Amino acid sequence: MPEGTIKRLTDKGFGFIDTGSAKDLFFHMSNVEGTDFDSLTEGQKVSFTEGRGPKGPCAENVRPL
């Protein structure tokens, strides 16, 4: 599974993961596994799978490391 770092979290239930490439991946709170969205912090390492959302690439199965 690819790994990245949470770059930004919003109070609306979504965030962005820095994947180490030029693009950040969007994720929604419904794609978080193993913990709840409110327990995540910016700068935290996570693993994820890359999926396809209605607006383009997104992170799915987001799990804290």
Protein backbone atom coordinates (compact mmCIF):
# COMPACT_ATOMS: atom_id res chain seq x y z
CA MET A 1 0.00 0.00 0.00
CA PRO A 2 1.29 3.49 -0.77
CA GLU A 3 2.09 5.75 2.16
CA GLY A 4 1.84 9.49 2.62
CA THR A 5 1.45 12.27 5.17
CA ILE A 6 -1.73 14.12 6.02
CA LYS A 7 -1.16 17.62 4.72
CA ARG A 8 -4.45 19.26 5.63
CA LEU A 9 -7.68 18.40 7.46
CA THR A 10 -10.90 20.41 7.35
CA ASP A 11 -13.81 20.69 9.75
CA LYS A 12 -16.08 19.56 6.92
CA GLY A 13 -14.86 15.93 7.06
CA PHE A 14 -12.22 15.76 4.36
CA GLY A 15 -8.51 16.16 3.98
CA PHE A 16 -5.52 15.93 1.67
CA ILE A 17 -2.59 13.51 1.69
CA ASP A 18 0.90 14.52 0.52
CA THR A 19 2.00 11.53 -1.54
CA GLY A 20 5.51 12.80 -2.22
CA SER A 21 4.64 13.53 -5.85
CA ALA A 22 3.43 16.74 -7.45
CA LYS A 23 -0.21 16.07 -6.55
CA ASP A 24 -1.97 15.71 -3.22
CA LEU A 25 -4.81 13.21 -2.87
CA PHE A 26 -8.23 14.16 -1.53
CA PHE A 27 -9.92 11.86 1.00
CA HIS A 28 -13.31 11.91 2.73
CA MET A 29 -13.95 10.87 6.32
CA SER A 30 -15.95 7.87 5.04
CA ASN A 31 -12.69 6.44 3.60
CA VAL A 32 -10.88 6.34 6.97
CA GLU A 33 -10.37 2.86 8.47
CA GLY A 34 -9.05 1.71 11.84
CA THR A 35 -9.78 5.02 13.59
CA ASP A 36 -12.21 7.90 13.34
CA PHE A 37 -11.61 11.05 11.31
CA ASP A 38 -11.40 13.25 14.42
CA SER A 39 -8.39 11.24 15.69
CA LEU A 40 -6.27 12.07 12.63
CA THR A 41 -3.75 14.93 12.79
CA GLU A 42 -1.91 16.95 10.19
CA GLY A 43 1.58 15.55 9.67
CA GLN A 44 0.47 12.01 10.55
CA LYS A 45 1.70 9.14 8.36
CA VAL A 46 -1.01 7.06 6.69
CA SER A 47 -1.33 4.25 4.18
CA PHE A 48 -4.01 4.29 1.49
CA THR A 49 -5.10 2.94 -1.85
CA GLU A 50 -5.59 5.26 -4.77
CA GLY A 51 -9.10 5.33 -6.17
CA ARG A 52 -11.17 7.39 -8.53
CA GLY A 53 -13.82 9.80 -7.26
CA PRO A 54 -16.30 11.97 -9.15
CA LYS A 55 -13.75 14.80 -9.35
CA GLY A 56 -10.64 12.75 -10.05
CA PRO A 57 -8.09 10.70 -8.09
CA CYS A 58 -8.71 10.25 -4.37
CA ALA A 59 -7.41 8.21 -1.45
CA GLU A 60 -9.44 5.26 -0.17
CA ASN A 61 -8.90 2.85 2.74
CA VAL A 62 -6.92 5.51 4.63
CA ARG A 63 -5.25 3.95 7.70
CA PRO A 64 -2.93 5.57 10.25
CA LEU A 65 0.53 4.02 10.55
